[in-house]
């Protein structure tokens, strides 16, 4: 009988959701859990980058105006 791996600390909601959806479906080896953790952290980072891009102007002013 296997136990569900603990969710890594520091994940945002999208990363936790990705983690939970995968470990609920599959029994993963240790090296696969490491890869999943990196995927979940990458998911969070992409979400933060997307939010920053969405909040930024499309054009940036240069020294020429």
N, C-alpha and C. Protein backbone atom coordinates (compact mmCIF):
# COMPACT_ATOMS: atom_id res chain seq x y z
N UNK A 1 0.84 -1.17 0.00
CA UNK A 1 0.00 0.00 0.00
C UNK A 1 0.89 1.24 0.00
N UNK A 2 0.70 2.10 -1.01
CA UNK A 2 1.53 3.29 -1.12
C UNK A 2 0.81 4.50 -0.53
N UNK A 3 1.60 5.50 -0.17
CA UNK A 3 1.03 6.74 0.35
C UNK A 3 1.23 7.83 -0.68
N UNK A 4 0.36 8.82 -0.64
CA UNK A 4 0.47 9.95 -1.55
C UNK A 4 1.64 10.83 -1.10
N UNK A 5 2.54 11.16 -2.03
CA UNK A 5 3.68 12.02 -1.66
C UNK A 5 3.20 13.40 -1.21
N UNK A 6 3.91 13.97 -0.26
CA UNK A 6 3.58 15.31 0.25
C UNK A 6 3.81 16.36 -0.83
N UNK A 7 2.95 17.34 -0.84
CA UNK A 7 3.12 18.47 -1.75
C UNK A 7 4.34 19.28 -1.30
N UNK A 8 5.24 19.60 -2.22
CA UNK A 8 6.41 20.40 -1.84
C UNK A 8 6.00 21.76 -1.30
N UNK A 9 6.77 22.28 -0.38
CA UNK A 9 6.48 23.60 0.17
C UNK A 9 6.83 24.66 -0.85
N UNK A 10 6.15 25.78 -0.74
CA UNK A 10 6.47 26.93 -1.58
C UNK A 10 5.76 26.97 -2.91
N UNK A 11 4.92 25.99 -3.21
CA UNK A 11 4.20 26.02 -4.47
C UNK A 11 3.00 26.95 -4.37
N UNK A 12 2.72 27.66 -5.47
CA UNK A 12 1.51 28.46 -5.57
C UNK A 12 0.35 27.55 -5.96
N UNK A 13 -0.83 28.10 -6.04
CA UNK A 13 -2.02 27.30 -6.34
C UNK A 13 -1.91 26.51 -7.65
N UNK A 14 -1.45 27.11 -8.75
CA UNK A 14 -1.34 26.32 -9.99
C UNK A 14 -0.35 25.14 -9.87
N UNK A 15 0.76 25.37 -9.19
CA UNK A 15 1.73 24.29 -8.99
C UNK A 15 1.19 23.19 -8.10
N UNK A 16 0.47 23.58 -7.05
CA UNK A 16 -0.15 22.58 -6.17
C UNK A 16 -1.20 21.77 -6.92
N UNK A 17 -1.95 22.45 -7.77
CA UNK A 17 -2.99 21.76 -8.56
C UNK A 17 -2.35 20.75 -9.51
N UNK A 18 -1.28 21.15 -10.18
CA UNK A 18 -0.57 20.23 -11.07
C UNK A 18 -0.04 19.03 -10.28
N UNK A 19 0.61 19.30 -9.16
CA UNK A 19 1.16 18.23 -8.32
C UNK A 19 0.05 17.25 -7.91
N UNK A 20 -1.03 17.79 -7.38
CA UNK A 20 -2.11 16.94 -6.87
C UNK A 20 -2.74 16.10 -7.98
N UNK A 21 -2.91 16.69 -9.15
CA UNK A 21 -3.55 15.95 -10.24
C UNK A 21 -2.70 14.78 -10.72
N UNK A 22 -1.39 14.96 -10.69
CA UNK A 22 -0.50 13.88 -11.15
C UNK A 22 -0.35 12.79 -10.09
N UNK A 23 -0.10 13.17 -8.84
CA UNK A 23 0.11 12.13 -7.82
C UNK A 23 -1.19 11.38 -7.51
N UNK A 24 -2.34 11.98 -7.80
CA UNK A 24 -3.61 11.28 -7.60
C UNK A 24 -3.79 10.18 -8.65
N UNK A 25 -3.18 10.36 -9.80
CA UNK A 25 -3.38 9.45 -10.92
C UNK A 25 -2.29 8.39 -11.06
N UNK A 26 -1.06 8.76 -10.68
CA UNK A 26 0.09 7.88 -10.92
C UNK A 26 0.91 7.64 -9.66
N UNK A 27 1.51 6.46 -9.59
CA UNK A 27 2.48 6.15 -8.54
C UNK A 27 3.86 6.40 -9.14
N UNK A 28 4.56 7.40 -8.62
CA UNK A 28 5.80 7.84 -9.22
C UNK A 28 7.02 7.40 -8.43
N UNK A 29 8.10 7.13 -9.15
CA UNK A 29 9.40 6.83 -8.54
C UNK A 29 10.00 8.14 -8.04
N UNK A 30 11.01 8.04 -7.21
CA UNK A 30 11.63 9.22 -6.62
C UNK A 30 12.12 10.21 -7.68
N UNK A 31 12.78 9.72 -8.71
CA UNK A 31 13.29 10.63 -9.75
C UNK A 31 12.14 11.30 -10.50
N UNK A 32 11.02 10.63 -10.62
CA UNK A 32 9.86 11.24 -11.27
C UNK A 32 9.23 12.32 -10.40
N UNK A 33 9.25 12.12 -9.09
CA UNK A 33 8.75 13.15 -8.18
C UNK A 33 9.60 14.41 -8.24
N UNK A 34 10.91 14.24 -8.40
CA UNK A 34 11.79 15.39 -8.54
C UNK A 34 11.44 16.17 -9.81
N UNK A 35 11.20 15.45 -10.89
CA UNK A 35 10.83 16.10 -12.15
C UNK A 35 9.46 16.78 -12.04
N UNK A 36 8.53 16.13 -11.36
CA UNK A 36 7.22 16.72 -11.16
C UNK A 36 7.31 17.99 -10.34
N UNK A 37 8.13 17.98 -9.30
CA UNK A 37 8.30 19.18 -8.49
C UNK A 37 8.83 20.33 -9.35
N UNK A 38 9.81 20.06 -10.19
CA UNK A 38 10.34 21.10 -11.06
C UNK A 38 9.28 21.59 -12.04
N UNK A 39 8.47 20.68 -12.55
CA UNK A 39 7.38 21.07 -13.46
C UNK A 39 6.37 21.96 -12.73
N UNK A 40 6.05 21.63 -11.50
CA UNK A 40 5.10 22.43 -10.72
C UNK A 40 5.68 23.81 -10.43
N UNK A 41 6.95 23.89 -10.09
CA UNK A 41 7.58 25.19 -9.85
C UNK A 41 7.65 26.01 -11.14
N UNK A 42 7.91 25.35 -12.25
CA UNK A 42 7.92 26.02 -13.54
C UNK A 42 6.53 26.54 -13.89
N UNK A 43 5.51 25.77 -13.59
CA UNK A 43 4.12 26.21 -13.82
C UNK A 43 3.84 27.48 -13.04
N UNK A 44 4.27 27.52 -11.79
CA UNK A 44 4.07 28.72 -10.97
C UNK A 44 4.82 29.92 -11.55
N UNK A 45 6.06 29.70 -11.95
CA UNK A 45 6.87 30.78 -12.50
C UNK A 45 6.24 31.33 -13.78
N UNK A 46 5.78 30.44 -14.64
CA UNK A 46 5.13 30.89 -15.88
C UNK A 46 3.87 31.70 -15.57
N UNK A 47 3.13 31.31 -14.56
CA UNK A 47 1.95 32.08 -14.16
C UNK A 47 2.31 33.48 -13.68
N UNK A 48 3.38 33.57 -12.89
CA UNK A 48 3.81 34.88 -12.40
C UNK A 48 4.33 35.75 -13.55
N UNK A 49 5.08 35.15 -14.48
CA UNK A 49 5.57 35.89 -15.63
C UNK A 49 4.41 36.37 -16.50
N UNK A 50 3.41 35.52 -16.70
CA UNK A 50 2.25 35.90 -17.50
C UNK A 50 1.52 37.07 -16.85
N UNK A 51 1.35 37.03 -15.55
CA UNK A 51 0.67 38.12 -14.85
C UNK A 51 1.46 39.43 -14.99
N UNK A 52 2.77 39.34 -14.92
CA UNK A 52 3.61 40.53 -15.06
C UNK A 52 3.51 41.09 -16.48
N UNK A 53 3.53 40.21 -17.48
CA UNK A 53 3.39 40.66 -18.86
C UNK A 53 2.02 41.30 -19.10
N UNK A 54 0.99 40.69 -18.56
CA UNK A 54 -0.36 41.22 -18.74
C UNK A 54 -0.52 42.60 -18.11
N UNK A 55 0.22 42.87 -17.05
CA UNK A 55 0.12 44.15 -16.36
C UNK A 55 1.05 45.21 -16.95
N UNK A 56 1.90 44.82 -17.89
CA UNK A 56 2.89 45.74 -18.46
C UNK A 56 2.39 46.31 -19.78
N UNK A 57 2.86 47.51 -20.12
CA UNK A 57 2.49 48.06 -21.42
C UNK A 57 3.13 47.25 -22.55
N UNK A 58 2.49 47.29 -23.69
CA UNK A 58 3.01 46.54 -24.84
C UNK A 58 4.29 47.19 -25.36
N UNK A 59 4.30 48.49 -25.36
CA UNK A 59 5.46 49.23 -25.86
C UNK A 59 6.20 49.88 -24.68
N UNK A 60 7.49 49.84 -24.74
CA UNK A 60 8.32 50.51 -23.74
C UNK A 60 8.97 51.72 -24.39
N UNK A 61 9.07 52.79 -23.65
CA UNK A 61 9.74 53.97 -24.18
C UNK A 61 11.25 53.76 -24.18
N UNK A 62 11.87 54.19 -25.25
CA UNK A 62 13.32 54.11 -25.35
C UNK A 62 13.90 55.52 -25.19
N UNK A 63 15.22 55.64 -25.32
CA UNK A 63 15.86 56.95 -25.19
C UNK A 63 15.45 57.88 -26.34
N UNK A 64 14.96 57.30 -27.44
CA UNK A 64 14.49 58.10 -28.57
C UNK A 64 13.00 58.45 -28.44
N UNK A 65 12.38 57.98 -27.38
CA UNK A 65 10.97 58.26 -27.17
C UNK A 65 10.12 57.16 -27.67
